[in-house]
PDB file of N, CA and C in Angstrom:
ATOM      1  N   MET A   1     -20.515  15.839  -9.927  1.00  0.00           N
ATOM      2  CA  MET A   1     -20.041  14.762 -10.760  1.00  0.00           C
ATOM      3  C   MET A   1     -18.669  14.339 -10.241  1.00  0.00           C
ATOM      4  N   SER A   2     -18.482  13.059 -10.055  1.00  0.00           N
ATOM      5  CA  SER A   2     -17.195  12.581  -9.563  1.00  0.00           C
ATOM      6  C   SER A   2     -16.508  11.730 -10.615  1.00  0.00           C
ATOM      7  N   TYR A   3     -15.215  11.635 -10.480  1.00  0.00           N
ATOM      8  CA  TYR A   3     -14.399  10.919 -11.451  1.00  0.00           C
ATOM      9  C   TYR A   3     -13.489   9.924 -10.737  1.00  0.00           C
ATOM     10  N   ILE A   4     -13.201   8.857 -11.409  1.00  0.00           N
ATOM     11  CA  ILE A   4     -12.220   7.894 -10.933  1.00  0.00           C
ATOM     12  C   ILE A   4     -11.026   7.975 -11.870  1.00  0.00           C
ATOM     13  N   ASN A   5      -9.855   8.121 -11.314  1.00  0.00           N
ATOM     14  CA  ASN A   5      -8.652   8.178 -12.140  1.00  0.00           C
ATOM     15  C   ASN A   5      -8.176   6.755 -12.396  1.00  0.00           C
ATOM     16  N   GLN A   6      -8.302   6.304 -13.633  1.00  0.00           N
ATOM     17  CA  GLN A   6      -7.849   4.969 -13.996  1.00  0.00           C
ATOM     18  C   GLN A   6      -6.496   5.019 -14.695  1.00  0.00           C
ATOM     19  N   GLY A   7      -5.880   6.145 -14.656  1.00  0.00           N
ATOM     20  CA  GLY A   7      -4.612   6.312 -15.369  1.00  0.00           C
ATOM     21  C   GLY A   7      -3.422   5.974 -14.513  1.00  0.00           C
ATOM     22  N   ARG A   8      -2.291   6.299 -15.038  1.00  0.00           N
ATOM     23  CA  ARG A   8      -1.037   6.059 -14.338  1.00  0.00           C
ATOM     24  C   ARG A   8      -0.530   7.372 -13.763  1.00  0.00           C
ATOM     25  N   GLU A   9       0.311   7.238 -12.789  1.00  0.00           N
ATOM     26  CA  GLU A   9       0.979   8.398 -12.219  1.00  0.00           C
ATOM     27  C   GLU A   9       2.442   8.348 -12.631  1.00  0.00           C
ATOM     28  N   ARG A  10       2.999   9.526 -12.826  1.00  0.00           N
ATOM     29  CA  ARG A  10       4.428   9.615 -13.127  1.00  0.00           C
ATOM     30  C   ARG A  10       5.055  10.448 -12.021  1.00  0.00           C
ATOM     31  N   ILE A  11       6.095   9.925 -11.410  1.00  0.00           N
ATOM     32  CA  ILE A  11       6.780  10.634 -10.335  1.00  0.00           C
ATOM     33  C   ILE A  11       7.970  11.379 -10.917  1.00  0.00           C
ATOM     34  N   GLN A  12       7.993  12.681 -10.679  1.00  0.00           N
ATOM     35  CA  GLN A  12       9.100  13.536 -11.111  1.00  0.00           C
ATOM     36  C   GLN A  12      10.004  13.740  -9.884  1.00  0.00           C
ATOM     37  N   PHE A  13      11.102  13.011  -9.830  1.00  0.00           N
ATOM     38  CA  PHE A  13      12.005  13.105  -8.687  1.00  0.00           C
ATOM     39  C   PHE A  13      12.846  14.378  -8.755  1.00  0.00           C
ATOM     40  N   ASP A  14      13.233  14.869  -7.579  1.00  0.00           N
ATOM     41  CA  ASP A  14      14.093  16.045  -7.427  1.00  0.00           C
ATOM     42  C   ASP A  14      13.508  17.293  -8.077  1.00  0.00           C
ATOM     43  N   ARG A  15      12.186  17.377  -8.131  1.00  0.00           N
ATOM     44  CA  ARG A  15      11.519  18.553  -8.690  1.00  0.00           C
ATOM     45  C   ARG A  15      10.324  18.901  -7.826  1.00  0.00           C
ATOM     46  N   LYS A  16       9.942  20.167  -7.866  1.00  0.00           N
ATOM     47  CA  LYS A  16       8.727  20.624  -7.205  1.00  0.00           C
ATOM     48  C   LYS A  16       7.708  20.971  -8.270  1.00  0.00           C
ATOM     49  N   GLY A  17       6.464  20.605  -8.022  1.00  0.00           N
ATOM     50  CA  GLY A  17       5.388  20.931  -8.942  1.00  0.00           C
ATOM     51  C   GLY A  17       4.632  22.155  -8.464  1.00  0.00           C
ATOM     52  N   LYS A  18       3.422  22.314  -8.949  1.00  0.00           N
ATOM     53  CA  LYS A  18       2.554  23.395  -8.500  1.00  0.00           C
ATOM     54  C   LYS A  18       2.070  23.083  -7.093  1.00  0.00           C
ATOM     55  N   THR A  19       1.582  24.085  -6.388  1.00  0.00           N
ATOM     56  CA  THR A  19       1.156  23.870  -5.007  1.00  0.00           C
ATOM     57  C   THR A  19       0.000  22.885  -4.899  1.00  0.00           C
ATOM     58  N   LYS A  20      -0.823  22.777  -5.930  1.00  0.00           N
ATOM     59  CA  LYS A  20      -1.962  21.847  -5.874  1.00  0.00           C
ATOM     60  C   LYS A  20      -1.566  20.413  -6.214  1.00  0.00           C
ATOM     61  N   ASP A  21      -0.358  20.201  -6.760  1.00  0.00           N
ATOM     62  CA  ASP A  21       0.105  18.856  -7.100  1.00  0.00           C
ATOM     63  C   ASP A  21       0.451  18.066  -5.841  1.00  0.00           C
ATOM     64  N   LEU A  22       0.257  16.753  -5.914  1.00  0.00           N
ATOM     65  CA  LEU A  22       0.695  15.887  -4.823  1.00  0.00           C
ATOM     66  C   LEU A  22       2.212  15.797  -4.844  1.00  0.00           C
ATOM     67  N   HIS A  23       2.821  16.011  -3.697  1.00  0.00           N
ATOM     68  CA  HIS A  23       4.269  15.915  -3.561  1.00  0.00           C
ATOM     69  C   HIS A  23       4.603  14.733  -2.657  1.00  0.00           C
ATOM     70  N   ILE A  24       5.750  14.137  -2.884  1.00  0.00           N
ATOM     71  CA  ILE A  24       6.257  13.105  -1.988  1.00  0.00           C
ATOM     72  C   ILE A  24       7.232  13.798  -1.053  1.00  0.00           C
ATOM     73  N   LEU A  25       6.932  13.730   0.234  1.00  0.00           N
ATOM     74  CA  LEU A  25       7.741  14.399   1.247  1.00  0.00           C
ATOM     75  C   LEU A  25       8.376  13.368   2.169  1.00  0.00           C
ATOM     76  N   GLU A  26       9.528  13.709   2.708  1.00  0.00           N
ATOM     77  CA  GLU A  26      10.191  12.861   3.694  1.00  0.00           C
ATOM     78  C   GLU A  26      10.399  13.679   4.962  1.00  0.00           C
ATOM     79  N   CYS A  27       9.962  13.138   6.080  1.00  0.00           N
ATOM     80  CA  CYS A  27      10.155  13.794   7.369  1.00  0.00           C
ATOM     81  C   CYS A  27      11.629  13.696   7.744  1.00  0.00           C
ATOM     82  N   THR A  28      12.240  14.811   8.116  1.00  0.00           N
ATOM     83  CA  THR A  28      13.665  14.806   8.460  1.00  0.00           C
ATOM     84  C   THR A  28      13.919  14.223   9.848  1.00  0.00           C
ATOM     85  N   ARG A  29      12.878  14.085  10.664  1.00  0.00           N
ATOM     86  CA  ARG A  29      13.058  13.529  12.009  1.00  0.00           C
ATOM     87  C   ARG A  29      12.974  12.009  12.044  1.00  0.00           C
ATOM     88  N   CYS A  30      12.038  11.418  11.270  1.00  0.00           N
ATOM     89  CA  CYS A  30      11.854   9.961  11.350  1.00  0.00           C
ATOM     90  C   CYS A  30      12.013   9.256  10.004  1.00  0.00           C
ATOM     91  N   SER A  31      12.272   9.991   8.931  1.00  0.00           N
ATOM     92  CA  SER A  31      12.466   9.455   7.568  1.00  0.00           C
ATOM     93  C   SER A  31      11.222   8.814   6.972  1.00  0.00           C
ATOM     94  N   ASN A  32      10.052   9.105   7.518  1.00  0.00           N
ATOM     95  CA  ASN A  32       8.792   8.610   6.958  1.00  0.00           C
ATOM     96  C   ASN A  32       8.478   9.372   5.672  1.00  0.00           C
ATOM     97  N   GLU A  33       8.083   8.643   4.623  1.00  0.00           N
ATOM     98  CA  GLU A  33       7.693   9.271   3.362  1.00  0.00           C
ATOM     99  C   GLU A  33       6.179   9.244   3.229  1.00  0.00           C
ATOM    100  N   PHE A  34       5.609  10.345   2.737  1.00  0.00           N
ATOM    101  CA  PHE A  34       4.165  10.437   2.556  1.00  0.00           C
ATOM    102  C   PHE A  34       3.863  11.437   1.459  1.00  0.00           C
ATOM    103  N   ARG A  35       2.593  11.473   1.054  1.00  0.00           N
ATOM    104  CA  ARG A  35       2.147  12.378  -0.009  1.00  0.00           C
ATOM    105  C   ARG A  35       1.332  13.517   0.591  1.00  0.00           C
ATOM    106  N   SER A  36       1.514  14.710   0.041  1.00  0.00           N
ATOM    107  CA  SER A  36       0.728  15.866   0.464  1.00  0.00           C
ATOM    108  C   SER A  36       0.799  16.943  -0.609  1.00  0.00           C
ATOM    109  N   THR A  37      -0.249  17.747  -0.688  1.00  0.00           N
ATOM    110  CA  THR A  37      -0.190  18.932  -1.533  1.00  0.00           C
ATOM    111  C   THR A  37       0.475  20.045  -0.731  1.00  0.00           C
ATOM    112  N   MET A  38       0.896  21.097  -1.406  1.00  0.00           N
ATOM    113  CA  MET A  38       1.555  22.210  -0.725  1.00  0.00           C
ATOM    114  C   MET A  38       0.602  23.374  -0.462  1.00  0.00           C
ATOM    115  N   ASN A  39      -0.648  23.272  -0.920  1.00  0.00           N
ATOM    116  CA  ASN A  39      -1.597  24.367  -0.732  1.00  0.00           C
ATOM    117  C   ASN A  39      -2.459  24.148   0.506  1.00  0.00           C
ATOM    118  N   VAL A  40      -1.868  23.610   1.559  1.00  0.00           N
ATOM    119  CA  VAL A  40      -2.550  23.393   2.829  1.00  0.00           C
ATOM    120  C   VAL A  40      -1.911  24.286   3.886  1.00  0.00           C
ATOM    121  N   ASN A  41      -2.604  24.464   5.005  1.00  0.00           N
ATOM    122  CA  ASN A  41      -2.071  25.298   6.081  1.00  0.00           C
ATOM    123  C   ASN A  41      -1.105  24.543   6.984  1.00  0.00           C
ATOM    124  N   GLN A  42      -1.201  23.220   6.999  1.00  0.00           N
ATOM    125  CA  GLN A  42      -0.377  22.421   7.891  1.00  0.00           C
ATOM    126  C   GLN A  42      -0.026  21.091   7.223  1.00  0.00           C
ATOM    127  N   ILE A  43       1.240  20.736   7.243  1.00  0.00           N
ATOM    128  CA  ILE A  43       1.692  19.417   6.814  1.00  0.00           C
ATOM    129  C   ILE A  43       2.147  18.697   8.073  1.00  0.00           C
ATOM    130  N   GLU A  44       1.641  17.464   8.261  1.00  0.00           N
ATOM    131  CA  GLU A  44       1.972  16.709   9.466  1.00  0.00           C
ATOM    132  C   GLU A  44       2.398  15.290   9.109  1.00  0.00           C
ATOM    133  N   CYS A  45       3.467  14.842   9.714  1.00  0.00           N
ATOM    134  CA  CYS A  45       3.934  13.473   9.544  1.00  0.00           C
ATOM    135  C   CYS A  45       3.051  12.564  10.394  1.00  0.00           C
ATOM    136  N   SER A  46       2.490  11.533   9.792  1.00  0.00           N
ATOM    137  CA  SER A  46       1.605  10.624  10.523  1.00  0.00           C
ATOM    138  C   SER A  46       2.374   9.688  11.451  1.00  0.00           C
ATOM    139  N   ASN A  47       3.675   9.591  11.265  1.00  0.00           N
ATOM    140  CA  ASN A  47       4.484   8.681  12.069  1.00  0.00           C
ATOM    141  C   ASN A  47       4.946   9.314  13.383  1.00  0.00           C
ATOM    142  N   CYS A  48       5.432  10.558  13.329  1.00  0.00           N
ATOM    143  CA  CYS A  48       5.985  11.182  14.538  1.00  0.00           C
ATOM    144  C   CYS A  48       5.297  12.495  14.913  1.00  0.00           C
ATOM    145  N   SER A  49       4.269  12.889  14.171  1.00  0.00           N
ATOM    146  CA  SER A  49       3.465  14.094  14.432  1.00  0.00           C
ATOM    147  C   SER A  49       4.221  15.406  14.267  1.00  0.00           C
ATOM    148  N   THR A  50       5.356  15.403  13.601  1.00  0.00           N
ATOM    149  CA  THR A  50       6.043  16.644  13.261  1.00  0.00           C
ATOM    150  C   THR A  50       5.165  17.406  12.279  1.00  0.00           C
ATOM    151  N   SER A  51       5.002  18.709  12.497  1.00  0.00           N
ATOM    152  CA  SER A  51       4.146  19.480  11.595  1.00  0.00           C
ATOM    153  C   SER A  51       4.720  20.871  11.368  1.00  0.00           C
ATOM    154  N   THR A  52       4.323  21.458  10.245  1.00  0.00           N
ATOM    155  CA  THR A  52       4.765  22.803   9.899  1.00  0.00           C
ATOM    156  C   THR A  52       3.822  23.393   8.867  1.00  0.00           C
ATOM    157  N   ASN A  53       3.860  24.695   8.729  1.00  0.00           N
ATOM    158  CA  ASN A  53       3.126  25.383   7.675  1.00  0.00           C
ATOM    159  C   ASN A  53       4.060  25.465   6.467  1.00  0.00           C
ATOM    160  N   PRO A  54       3.703  24.838   5.335  1.00  0.00           N
ATOM    161  CA  PRO A  54       4.621  24.813   4.188  1.00  0.00           C
ATOM    162  C   PRO A  54       4.859  26.174   3.552  1.00  0.00           C
ATOM    163  N   LYS A  55       3.985  27.143   3.828  1.00  0.00           N
ATOM    164  CA  LYS A  55       4.166  28.481   3.265  1.00  0.00           C
ATOM    165  C   LYS A  55       5.220  29.268   4.039  1.00  0.00           C
ATOM    166  N   LEU A  56       5.445  28.890   5.302  1.00  0.00           N
ATOM    167  CA  LEU A  56       6.393  29.615   6.141  1.00  0.00           C
ATOM    168  C   LEU A  56       7.735  28.905   6.287  1.00  0.00           C
ATOM    169  N   ASP A  57       7.680  27.584   6.491  1.00  0.00           N
ATOM    170  CA  ASP A  57       8.915  26.839   6.749  1.00  0.00           C
ATOM    171  C   ASP A  57       8.743  25.391   6.301  1.00  0.00           C
ATOM    172  N   LEU A  58       9.620  24.935   5.441  1.00  0.00           N
ATOM    173  CA  LEU A  58       9.568  23.557   4.958  1.00  0.00           C
ATOM    174  C   LEU A  58      10.839  22.799   5.337  1.00  0.00           C
ATOM    175  N   SER A  59      11.584  23.313   6.314  1.00  0.00           N
ATOM    176  CA  SER A  59      12.861  22.700   6.668  1.00  0.00           C
ATOM    177  C   SER A  59      12.703  21.352   7.373  1.00  0.00           C
ATOM    178  N   LEU A  60      11.525  21.063   7.938  1.00  0.00           N
ATOM    179  CA  LEU A  60      11.310  19.790   8.621  1.00  0.00           C
ATOM    180  C   LEU A  60      10.985  18.654   7.659  1.00  0.00           C
ATOM    181  N   PHE A  61      10.717  18.998   6.402  1.00  0.00           N
ATOM    182  CA  PHE A  61      10.357  17.998   5.402  1.00  0.00           C
ATOM    183  C   PHE A  61      11.184  18.204   4.141  1.00  0.00           C
ATOM    184  N   LYS A  62      11.658  17.108   3.589  1.00  0.00           N
ATOM    185  CA  LYS A  62      12.429  17.148   2.347  1.00  0.00           C
ATOM    186  C   LYS A  62      11.504  16.761   1.201  1.00  0.00           C
ATOM    187  N   VAL A  63      11.497  17.554   0.132  1.00  0.00           N
ATOM    188  CA  VAL A  63      10.685  17.243  -1.039  1.00  0.00           C
ATOM    189  C   VAL A  63      11.446  16.229  -1.888  1.00  0.00           C
ATOM    190  N   ILE A  64      10.876  15.027  -2.014  1.00  0.00           N
ATOM    191  CA  ILE A  64      11.479  13.965  -2.823  1.00  0.00           C
ATOM    192  C   ILE A  64      11.140  14.181  -4.296  1.00  0.00           C
ATOM    193  N   GLY A  65       9.921  14.616  -4.560  1.00  0.00           N
ATOM    194  CA  GLY A  65       9.456  14.841  -5.925  1.00  0.00           C
ATOM    195  C   GLY A  65       7.971  15.143  -5.920  1.00  0.00           C
ATOM    196  N   PHE A  66       7.384  15.217  -7.108  1.00  0.00           N
ATOM    197  CA  PHE A  66       5.943  15.410  -7.177  1.00  0.00           C
ATOM    198  C   PHE A  66       5.334  14.398  -8.123  1.00  0.00           C
ATOM    199  N   ILE A  67       4.041  14.169  -7.964  1.00  0.00           N
ATOM    200  CA  ILE A  67       3.327  13.154  -8.725  1.00  0.00           C
ATOM    201  C   ILE A  67       2.529  13.832  -9.813  1.00  0.00           C
ATOM    202  N   GLU A  68       2.796  13.429 -11.023  1.00  0.00           N
ATOM    203  CA  GLU A  68       2.121  14.007 -12.181  1.00  0.00           C
ATOM    204  C   GLU A  68       1.113  12.983 -12.702  1.00  0.00           C
ATOM    205  N   ASN A  69      -0.164  13.357 -12.719  1.00  0.00           N
ATOM    206  CA  ASN A  69      -1.192  12.481 -13.271  1.00  0.00           C
ATOM    207  C   ASN A  69      -1.222  12.654 -14.774  1.00  0.00           C
ATOM    208  N   LEU A  70      -1.242  11.553 -15.492  1.00  0.00           N
ATOM    209  CA  LEU A  70      -1.330  11.612 -16.946  1.00  0.00           C
ATOM    210  C   LEU A  70      -2.768  11.898 -17.340  1.00  0.00           C
ATOM    211  N   GLN A  71      -2.981  12.826 -18.253  1.00  0.00           N
ATOM    212  CA  GLN A  71      -4.317  13.268 -18.644  1.00  0.00           C
ATOM    213  C   GLN A  71      -4.997  12.259 -19.558  1.00  0.00           C
ATOM    214  N   GLY A  72      -6.321  12.393 -19.631  1.00  0.00           N
ATOM    215  CA  GLY A  72      -7.098  11.567 -20.541  1.00  0.00           C
ATOM    216  C   GLY A  72      -7.448  10.203 -19.996  1.00  0.00           C
ATOM    217  N   SER A  73      -7.292  10.001 -18.707  1.00  0.00           N
ATOM    218  CA  SER A  73      -7.535   8.681 -18.154  1.00  0.00           C
ATOM    219  C   SER A  73      -8.657   8.675 -17.116  1.00  0.00           C
ATOM    220  N   GLU A  74      -9.417   9.755 -17.016  1.00  0.00           N
ATOM    221  CA  GLU A  74     -10.487   9.809 -16.036  1.00  0.00           C
ATOM    222  C   GLU A  74     -11.808   9.390 -16.659  1.00  0.00           C
ATOM    223  N   VAL A  75     -12.610   8.650 -15.900  1.00  0.00           N
ATOM    224  CA  VAL A  75     -13.927   8.230 -16.367  1.00  0.00           C
ATOM    225  C   VAL A  75     -14.970   8.642 -15.337  1.00  0.00           C
ATOM    226  N   ARG A  76     -16.160   8.954 -15.811  1.00  0.00           N
ATOM    227  CA  ARG A  76     -17.246   9.324 -14.913  1.00  0.00           C
ATOM    228  C   ARG A  76     -17.759   8.104 -14.176  1.00  0.00           C
ATOM    229  N   CYS A  77     -18.199   8.306 -12.947  1.00  0.00           N
ATOM    230  CA  CYS A  77     -18.782   7.190 -12.212  1.00  0.00           C
ATOM    231  C   CYS A  77     -20.198   7.514 -11.779  1.00  0.00           C
TER     232      CYS A  77
END
């Protein structure tokens, strides 16, 4: 069963969420901002290909904030 999220997202700046939450990251080499979860083995910047394992070292990426999905807004498709 799949769901479409028709709700809004709330961005919590200057905070880290759970590892499964989408985070907004900024690459320290090229300043590209992108979204990624932290429960992956590799985070890679699509602009300059800088990559790292977030469990070992996150110094190449700055956490801008995390994206919080508001509950009760999903519908079945």
